[in-house]
Amino acid sequence: MKIQRIDHVGVIVNDLSAAKEFFLNFGLEVKGEWEMEGELMGYAVGLNDVKVACVGLGMADGQTWIELIKFYSPSDEGDNRQPLANTLGIRHIAFTVEDIEAVVAKLKKKGTEIFSEIQQYEESYKLCYVRGPEGIILELAEQIK
């Protein structure tokens, strides 16, 4: 058995348009948009009466996607408080970027919350955390050459 690659990361959102715009402003591009519903979809995710809309986003030359998913049904009755960086579970998506200062400036201009200023980690990386809509956290890292 061999794992070939990470195919995608699914992110459940309420405001699909805002999340899509956030990732487009970040620099990803739309790879596909679709809706799904029906018994097979419900069986696959373990829910009844499922109807979703999805947007797949990625880099121009990459194979890995971020899949934004809006559940029209069933609706989420859960707690929607914004998680902290140490909350259990999957908490952030990390991207290696060129010119982290320019990326952060671009995101600040678009109103993105920058909750840690750019820091240098030893002699290897510059790092920064930003928060997008609905608590989505991105870790940005620029390798120091």
Protein backbone atom coordinates (compact mmCIF):
# COMPACT_ATOMS: atom_id res chain seq x y z
CA MET A 1 0.00 0.00 0.00
CA LYS A 2 1.31 3.42 -0.94
CA ILE A 3 -0.25 6.82 -0.30
CA GLN A 4 0.06 8.83 -3.49
CA ARG A 5 -0.78 12.38 -2.33
CA ILE A 6 -3.16 14.52 -0.31
CA ASP A 7 -6.04 15.14 -2.70
CA HIS A 8 -7.97 17.88 -0.91
CA VAL A 9 -8.91 19.43 2.40
CA GLY A 10 -12.62 20.00 2.99
CA VAL A 11 -13.72 23.16 4.80
CA ILE A 12 -17.38 23.48 5.82
CA VAL A 13 -18.66 27.07 5.57
CA ASN A 14 -21.95 28.95 5.92
CA ASP A 15 -21.07 31.80 3.56
CA LEU A 16 -19.66 30.11 0.48
CA SER A 17 -19.26 33.38 -1.43
CA ALA A 18 -17.21 35.06 1.34
CA ALA A 19 -14.96 32.01 1.78
CA LYS A 20 -14.44 31.72 -1.99
CA GLU A 21 -13.58 35.42 -2.23
CA PHE A 22 -11.09 35.09 0.66
CA PHE A 23 -9.17 32.31 -1.09
CA LEU A 24 -9.31 34.06 -4.47
CA ASN A 25 -7.88 37.22 -2.84
CA PHE A 26 -5.18 35.03 -1.28
CA GLY A 27 -4.16 33.86 -4.75
CA LEU A 28 -5.83 30.50 -5.33
CA GLU A 29 -7.96 29.89 -8.41
CA VAL A 30 -11.24 28.08 -8.88
CA LYS A 31 -10.74 24.54 -10.17
CA GLY A 32 -14.41 23.61 -10.14
CA GLU A 33 -17.85 24.40 -8.73
CA TRP A 34 -20.70 21.92 -8.29
CA GLU A 35 -23.75 20.91 -6.28
CA MET A 36 -24.55 17.46 -4.97
CA GLU A 37 -27.53 15.86 -3.29
CA GLY A 38 -29.28 12.58 -2.92
CA GLU A 39 -29.07 9.24 -1.21
CA LEU A 40 -25.50 8.37 -2.30
CA MET A 41 -24.19 11.71 -1.03
CA GLY A 42 -25.99 11.23 2.28
CA TYR A 43 -24.64 7.70 2.61
CA ALA A 44 -21.08 8.88 1.89
CA VAL A 45 -21.11 11.52 4.66
CA GLY A 46 -23.41 9.71 7.11
CA LEU A 47 -26.26 12.24 7.01
CA ASN A 48 -29.85 12.25 5.70
CA ASP A 49 -31.37 14.61 3.12
CA VAL A 50 -28.00 16.06 2.07
CA LYS A 51 -27.73 18.95 -0.37
CA VAL A 52 -24.41 20.78 -0.74
CA ALA A 53 -22.70 23.34 -2.93
CA CYS A 54 -18.92 23.08 -3.37
CA VAL A 55 -16.07 25.17 -4.72
CA GLY A 56 -12.68 23.57 -5.37
CA LEU A 57 -9.72 25.96 -5.22
CA GLY A 58 -6.03 25.40 -5.80
CA MET A 59 -2.80 26.75 -7.22
CA ALA A 60 -2.34 26.92 -10.98
CA ASP A 61 0.34 24.21 -10.98
CA GLY A 62 -0.84 22.16 -7.98
CA GLN A 63 -2.91 19.04 -7.63
CA THR A 64 -4.07 19.51 -4.03
CA TRP A 65 -7.35 21.37 -3.55
CA ILE A 66 -9.19 23.15 -0.84
CA GLU A 67 -12.82 22.18 -1.14
CA LEU A 68 -15.25 24.71 0.35
CA ILE A 69 -18.55 23.03 1.19
CA LYS A 70 -21.87 24.71 2.04
CA PHE A 71 -24.49 22.34 3.48
CA TYR A 72 -27.98 23.54 2.51
CA SER A 73 -29.38 20.51 4.27
CA PRO A 74 -29.15 19.28 6.87
CA SER A 75 -28.28 22.55 8.61
CA ASP A 76 -25.60 22.71 11.29
CA GLU A 77 -26.97 23.19 14.77
CA GLY A 78 -23.50 23.29 16.32
CA ASP A 79 -21.46 25.91 18.12
CA ASN A 80 -20.04 28.43 15.64
CA ARG A 81 -17.63 30.31 17.92
CA GLN A 82 -14.28 31.03 16.33
CA PRO A 83 -11.75 28.44 17.52
CA LEU A 84 -8.39 29.40 18.95
CA ALA A 85 -5.13 28.09 17.53
CA ASN A 86 -4.94 25.49 20.34
CA THR A 87 -8.52 24.15 19.97
CA LEU A 88 -8.53 20.40 19.38
CA GLY A 89 -9.01 19.20 15.81
CA ILE A 90 -7.81 20.48 12.46
CA ARG A 91 -7.06 24.13 13.06
CA HIS A 92 -5.18 25.67 10.15
CA ILE A 93 -4.01 25.19 6.59
CA ALA A 94 -0.35 26.02 5.96
CA PHE A 95 0.95 27.60 2.77
CA THR A 96 4.53 28.24 1.73
CA VAL A 97 4.65 31.64 0.06
CA GLU A 98 7.15 33.91 -1.64
CA ASP A 99 7.48 37.42 -0.17
CA ILE A 100 5.40 36.97 2.97
CA GLU A 101 5.40 40.73 3.59
CA ALA A 102 3.65 41.36 0.25
CA VAL A 103 1.13 38.57 0.85
CA VAL A 104 0.27 39.88 4.33
CA ALA A 105 -0.01 43.47 3.05
CA LYS A 106 -2.39 42.31 0.28
CA LEU A 107 -4.55 40.42 2.79
CA LYS A 108 -4.58 43.36 5.25
CA LYS A 109 -5.80 45.61 2.42
CA LYS A 110 -8.72 43.22 1.88
CA GLY A 111 -9.61 43.35 5.60
CA THR A 112 -8.23 39.96 6.61
CA GLU A 113 -7.50 39.61 10.32
CA ILE A 114 -3.76 39.20 10.89
CA PHE A 115 -3.54 37.74 14.38
CA SER A 116 0.18 37.26 14.57
CA GLU A 117 2.60 39.67 13.00
CA ILE A 118 5.35 38.18 10.84
CA GLN A 119 7.87 36.41 13.06
CA GLN A 120 11.16 34.78 12.18
CA TYR A 121 11.62 31.20 13.34
CA GLU A 122 15.32 30.57 13.82
CA GLU A 123 17.17 30.93 10.50
CA SER A 124 14.67 28.88 8.52
CA TYR A 125 11.25 30.56 8.15
CA LYS A 126 9.24 33.74 8.48
CA LEU A 127 5.77 32.86 9.78
CA CYS A 128 2.41 34.58 10.18
CA TYR A 129 -1.14 33.48 11.00
CA VAL A 130 -4.23 35.06 9.44
CA ARG A 131 -7.95 34.43 9.95
CA GLY A 132 -10.43 34.40 7.11
CA PRO A 133 -14.21 34.17 7.20
CA GLU A 134 -15.87 31.76 9.61
CA GLY A 135 -12.67 31.23 11.60
CA ILE A 136 -10.59 29.74 8.76
CA ILE A 137 -6.94 30.02 9.87
CA LEU A 138 -4.05 30.09 7.40
CA GLU A 139 -0.41 29.73 8.41
CA LEU A 140 1.86 31.54 5.98
CA ALA A 141 5.51 30.56 5.80
CA GLU A 142 8.37 31.91 3.74
CA GLN A 143 11.53 29.85 3.74
CA ILE A 144 14.65 31.90 4.40
CA LYS A 145 17.33 31.11 1.87
